[in-house]
Amino acid sequence: MNRIKHHVKKGDQVEVIAGNYRGSTGKILQVLPKKNRVLIEGVRLIKKHLRKSQDNPSGKIAEREGPVHISNVKLVEREKETKKKSKTKEKKKTEE
């Protein structure tokens, strides 16, 4: 089973370079690798009508982000990664 690798990942700051949302920027909320799409915060907002329920007694129009094709996205800034200690280094230190 092969993993699909893309040029962006969750948390990166990106800019849309093509399509109706060209020029807008935002943070990636989710990557959908099988569909080659990403969800970007504040870009391509979709309105969804919700029926009356216990959670929404009077009904509701919810706004959420829609997917944008990954080829229409350019990386602006990579999410800062926290330094991780490897287990092998920790074991060597305890043995000494």
N, C-alpha and C. Protein backbone atom coordinates (compact mmCIF):
# COMPACT_ATOMS: atom_id res chain seq x y z
N MET A 1 0.85 -1.19 0.00
CA MET A 1 0.00 0.00 0.00
C MET A 1 0.88 1.24 0.00
N ASN A 2 0.75 2.07 -1.01
CA ASN A 2 1.58 3.26 -1.14
C ASN A 2 0.92 4.47 -0.51
N ARG A 3 1.75 5.26 0.16
CA ARG A 3 1.25 6.53 0.70
C ARG A 3 1.49 7.62 -0.31
N ILE A 4 0.51 8.48 -0.48
CA ILE A 4 0.64 9.59 -1.41
C ILE A 4 1.27 10.75 -0.67
N LYS A 5 2.38 11.29 -1.20
CA LYS A 5 3.08 12.39 -0.55
C LYS A 5 2.78 13.69 -1.29
N HIS A 6 2.46 14.72 -0.53
CA HIS A 6 2.14 16.02 -1.11
C HIS A 6 3.10 17.08 -0.60
N HIS A 7 3.10 18.24 -1.25
CA HIS A 7 4.02 19.32 -0.90
C HIS A 7 3.55 20.14 0.30
N VAL A 8 2.35 19.90 0.79
CA VAL A 8 1.83 20.62 1.95
C VAL A 8 1.28 19.62 2.96
N LYS A 9 1.17 20.06 4.21
CA LYS A 9 0.58 19.21 5.24
C LYS A 9 -0.22 20.06 6.21
N LYS A 10 -0.92 19.42 7.11
CA LYS A 10 -1.80 20.09 8.05
C LYS A 10 -1.02 21.11 8.88
N GLY A 11 -1.58 22.31 9.01
CA GLY A 11 -0.96 23.36 9.81
C GLY A 11 -0.13 24.34 9.01
N ASP A 12 0.20 24.04 7.76
CA ASP A 12 0.99 24.94 6.93
C ASP A 12 0.18 26.15 6.51
N GLN A 13 0.86 27.27 6.31
CA GLN A 13 0.25 28.49 5.80
C GLN A 13 0.39 28.45 4.28
N VAL A 14 -0.74 28.55 3.55
CA VAL A 14 -0.71 28.43 2.09
C VAL A 14 -1.46 29.57 1.43
N GLU A 15 -1.20 29.72 0.12
CA GLU A 15 -1.89 30.71 -0.70
C GLU A 15 -2.50 29.99 -1.89
N VAL A 16 -3.74 30.36 -2.25
CA VAL A 16 -4.39 29.77 -3.42
C VAL A 16 -3.90 30.53 -4.64
N ILE A 17 -3.36 29.79 -5.63
CA ILE A 17 -2.75 30.43 -6.80
C ILE A 17 -3.59 30.31 -8.07
N ALA A 18 -4.68 29.53 -8.03
CA ALA A 18 -5.52 29.38 -9.22
C ALA A 18 -6.97 29.14 -8.82
N GLY A 19 -7.88 29.45 -9.71
CA GLY A 19 -9.29 29.21 -9.46
C GLY A 19 -10.01 30.43 -8.92
N ASN A 20 -11.24 30.24 -8.48
CA ASN A 20 -12.08 31.35 -8.01
C ASN A 20 -11.54 32.00 -6.74
N TYR A 21 -10.77 31.29 -5.96
CA TYR A 21 -10.30 31.79 -4.66
C TYR A 21 -8.84 32.23 -4.73
N ARG A 22 -8.35 32.56 -5.93
CA ARG A 22 -6.97 32.98 -6.15
C ARG A 22 -6.62 34.19 -5.28
N GLY A 23 -5.46 34.13 -4.64
CA GLY A 23 -4.99 35.24 -3.82
C GLY A 23 -5.31 35.12 -2.35
N SER A 24 -6.25 34.26 -1.99
CA SER A 24 -6.60 34.12 -0.58
C SER A 24 -5.62 33.19 0.12
N THR A 25 -5.34 33.48 1.39
CA THR A 25 -4.39 32.68 2.16
C THR A 25 -5.07 32.15 3.41
N GLY A 26 -4.48 31.10 3.97
CA GLY A 26 -5.01 30.52 5.20
C GLY A 26 -4.20 29.32 5.63
N LYS A 27 -4.59 28.77 6.77
CA LYS A 27 -3.92 27.62 7.35
C LYS A 27 -4.66 26.35 6.93
N ILE A 28 -3.91 25.29 6.63
CA ILE A 28 -4.53 24.03 6.22
C ILE A 28 -5.11 23.34 7.44
N LEU A 29 -6.41 23.02 7.36
CA LEU A 29 -7.10 22.32 8.44
C LEU A 29 -7.03 20.81 8.26
N GLN A 30 -7.08 20.36 7.00
CA GLN A 30 -7.10 18.92 6.73
C GLN A 30 -6.61 18.67 5.31
N VAL A 31 -5.87 17.57 5.12
CA VAL A 31 -5.43 17.14 3.80
C VAL A 31 -6.19 15.86 3.46
N LEU A 32 -6.78 15.83 2.27
CA LEU A 32 -7.50 14.65 1.79
C LEU A 32 -6.67 14.03 0.65
N PRO A 33 -5.71 13.13 0.98
CA PRO A 33 -4.76 12.66 -0.03
C PRO A 33 -5.37 11.82 -1.15
N LYS A 34 -6.39 11.03 -0.88
CA LYS A 34 -6.99 10.20 -1.92
C LYS A 34 -7.73 11.03 -2.96
N LYS A 35 -8.26 12.16 -2.55
CA LYS A 35 -8.99 13.04 -3.47
C LYS A 35 -8.12 14.19 -3.98
N ASN A 36 -6.86 14.28 -3.51
CA ASN A 36 -5.93 15.36 -3.88
C ASN A 36 -6.50 16.73 -3.55
N ARG A 37 -7.08 16.88 -2.37
CA ARG A 37 -7.69 18.14 -1.97
C ARG A 37 -7.28 18.53 -0.56
N VAL A 38 -7.42 19.82 -0.24
CA VAL A 38 -7.12 20.33 1.10
C VAL A 38 -8.25 21.24 1.56
N LEU A 39 -8.45 21.31 2.87
CA LEU A 39 -9.38 22.26 3.47
C LEU A 39 -8.55 23.40 4.05
N ILE A 40 -8.85 24.63 3.63
CA ILE A 40 -8.10 25.80 4.08
C ILE A 40 -9.01 26.69 4.89
N GLU A 41 -8.50 27.16 6.02
CA GLU A 41 -9.27 27.98 6.95
C GLU A 41 -9.70 29.30 6.29
N GLY A 42 -11.01 29.53 6.23
CA GLY A 42 -11.55 30.79 5.71
C GLY A 42 -11.64 30.88 4.20
N VAL A 43 -11.34 29.79 3.48
CA VAL A 43 -11.39 29.80 2.02
C VAL A 43 -12.49 28.85 1.56
N ARG A 44 -13.25 29.25 0.56
CA ARG A 44 -14.36 28.47 -0.02
C ARG A 44 -15.37 28.04 1.04
N LEU A 45 -15.97 29.01 1.70
CA LEU A 45 -16.98 28.72 2.71
C LEU A 45 -18.27 28.25 2.05
N ILE A 46 -18.80 27.15 2.55
CA ILE A 46 -20.02 26.54 2.03
C ILE A 46 -21.10 26.64 3.10
N LYS A 47 -22.31 27.00 2.70
CA LYS A 47 -23.43 27.06 3.64
C LYS A 47 -24.21 25.76 3.57
N LYS A 48 -24.46 25.16 4.73
CA LYS A 48 -25.23 23.92 4.79
C LYS A 48 -26.44 24.14 5.68
N HIS A 49 -27.63 23.84 5.16
CA HIS A 49 -28.85 24.02 5.93
C HIS A 49 -29.08 22.80 6.80
N LEU A 50 -29.26 23.03 8.12
CA LEU A 50 -29.47 21.94 9.06
C LEU A 50 -30.93 21.92 9.50
N ARG A 51 -31.48 20.73 9.59
CA ARG A 51 -32.86 20.53 10.00
C ARG A 51 -33.03 20.77 11.49
N LYS A 52 -34.24 21.01 11.94
CA LYS A 52 -34.51 21.17 13.36
C LYS A 52 -34.17 19.88 14.10
N SER A 53 -33.51 20.03 15.26
CA SER A 53 -33.15 18.87 16.08
C SER A 53 -33.02 19.33 17.53
N GLN A 54 -32.62 18.41 18.41
CA GLN A 54 -32.43 18.80 19.80
C GLN A 54 -31.28 19.79 19.93
N ASP A 55 -30.24 19.61 19.14
CA ASP A 55 -29.10 20.54 19.18
C ASP A 55 -29.48 21.90 18.61
N ASN A 56 -30.26 21.92 17.53
CA ASN A 56 -30.69 23.16 16.89
C ASN A 56 -32.22 23.20 16.86
N PRO A 57 -32.86 23.69 17.93
CA PRO A 57 -34.32 23.67 17.99
C PRO A 57 -35.00 24.46 16.87
N SER A 58 -34.36 25.52 16.38
CA SER A 58 -34.98 26.32 15.33
C SER A 58 -34.33 26.12 13.97
N GLY A 59 -33.45 25.11 13.86
CA GLY A 59 -32.75 24.91 12.60
C GLY A 59 -31.56 25.85 12.52
N LYS A 60 -30.73 25.70 11.49
CA LYS A 60 -29.51 26.50 11.44
C LYS A 60 -28.93 26.45 10.02
N ILE A 61 -28.23 27.51 9.65
CA ILE A 61 -27.44 27.51 8.43
C ILE A 61 -25.99 27.54 8.87
N ALA A 62 -25.30 26.41 8.71
CA ALA A 62 -23.91 26.29 9.18
C ALA A 62 -22.96 26.58 8.02
N GLU A 63 -21.88 27.32 8.32
CA GLU A 63 -20.85 27.59 7.33
C GLU A 63 -19.64 26.73 7.64
N ARG A 64 -19.08 26.09 6.59
CA ARG A 64 -17.87 25.31 6.77
C ARG A 64 -17.01 25.43 5.53
N GLU A 65 -15.74 25.04 5.64
CA GLU A 65 -14.82 25.16 4.52
C GLU A 65 -15.04 24.02 3.53
N GLY A 66 -14.92 24.34 2.26
CA GLY A 66 -14.99 23.33 1.21
C GLY A 66 -13.60 23.01 0.71
N PRO A 67 -13.42 21.86 0.05
CA PRO A 67 -12.09 21.46 -0.40
C PRO A 67 -11.63 22.24 -1.63
N VAL A 68 -10.31 22.44 -1.71
CA VAL A 68 -9.65 23.08 -2.85
C VAL A 68 -8.63 22.08 -3.38
N HIS A 69 -8.47 21.97 -4.69
CA HIS A 69 -7.50 21.02 -5.24
C HIS A 69 -6.09 21.40 -4.83
N ILE A 70 -5.29 20.38 -4.50
CA ILE A 70 -3.96 20.61 -3.93
C ILE A 70 -3.00 21.27 -4.92
N SER A 71 -3.27 21.11 -6.23
CA SER A 71 -2.40 21.74 -7.24
C SER A 71 -2.63 23.25 -7.33
N ASN A 72 -3.74 23.74 -6.77
CA ASN A 72 -4.04 25.17 -6.79
C ASN A 72 -3.50 25.89 -5.56
N VAL A 73 -2.65 25.23 -4.80
CA VAL A 73 -2.18 25.76 -3.52
C VAL A 73 -0.66 25.86 -3.53
N LYS A 74 -0.15 27.00 -3.00
CA LYS A 74 1.30 27.22 -2.91
C LYS A 74 1.67 27.39 -1.44
N LEU A 75 2.73 26.74 -1.02
CA LEU A 75 3.20 26.83 0.36
C LEU A 75 3.80 28.20 0.61
N VAL A 76 3.34 28.88 1.69
CA VAL A 76 3.88 30.18 2.07
C VAL A 76 4.83 30.02 3.24
N GLU A 77 4.37 29.29 4.26
CA GLU A 77 5.18 29.10 5.46
C GLU A 77 4.88 27.73 6.05
N ARG A 78 5.94 26.98 6.35
CA ARG A 78 5.81 25.65 6.93
C ARG A 78 5.52 25.80 8.43
N GLU A 79 4.70 24.91 8.98
CA GLU A 79 4.41 24.91 10.41
C GLU A 79 5.69 24.60 11.16
N LYS A 80 5.96 25.33 12.23
CA LYS A 80 7.17 25.09 13.02
C LYS A 80 7.04 23.76 13.73
N GLU A 81 8.04 22.91 13.52
CA GLU A 81 8.02 21.59 14.14
C GLU A 81 8.72 21.64 15.49
N THR A 82 8.16 20.93 16.44
CA THR A 82 8.82 20.85 17.74
C THR A 82 9.89 19.78 17.68
N LYS A 83 10.97 20.00 18.40
CA LYS A 83 12.05 19.03 18.39
C LYS A 83 11.63 17.80 19.18
N LYS A 84 11.86 16.64 18.58
CA LYS A 84 11.49 15.39 19.23
C LYS A 84 12.75 14.64 19.62
N LYS A 85 12.77 14.11 20.81
CA LYS A 85 13.90 13.30 21.25
C LYS A 85 13.68 11.88 20.77
N SER A 86 14.71 11.30 20.20
CA SER A 86 14.57 9.92 19.77
C SER A 86 14.81 8.98 20.94
N LYS A 87 14.18 7.85 20.93
CA LYS A 87 14.27 6.90 22.03
C LYS A 87 15.66 6.28 22.13
N THR A 88 16.34 6.14 21.01
CA THR A 88 17.66 5.52 21.03
C THR A 88 18.66 6.40 21.78
N LYS A 89 18.57 7.70 21.61
CA LYS A 89 19.49 8.61 22.32
C LYS A 89 19.23 8.58 23.81
N GLU A 90 17.96 8.51 24.19
CA GLU A 90 17.62 8.48 25.62
C GLU A 90 18.12 7.19 26.25
N LYS A 91 18.04 6.05 25.55
CA LYS A 91 18.53 4.80 26.08
C LYS A 91 20.03 4.81 26.26
N LYS A 92 20.74 5.40 25.32
CA LYS A 92 22.21 5.48 25.41
C LYS A 92 22.62 6.32 26.62
N LYS A 93 21.91 7.39 26.89
CA LYS A 93 22.25 8.25 28.02
C LYS A 93 22.03 7.53 29.35
N THR A 94 20.97 6.74 29.44
CA THR A 94 20.68 6.03 30.68
C THR A 94 21.66 4.88 30.92
N GLU A 95 22.20 4.29 29.85
CA GLU A 95 23.14 3.19 29.98
C GLU A 95 24.50 3.68 30.47
N GLU A 96 24.88 4.90 30.14
CA GLU A 96 26.20 5.43 30.52
C GLU A 96 26.31 5.78 31.96
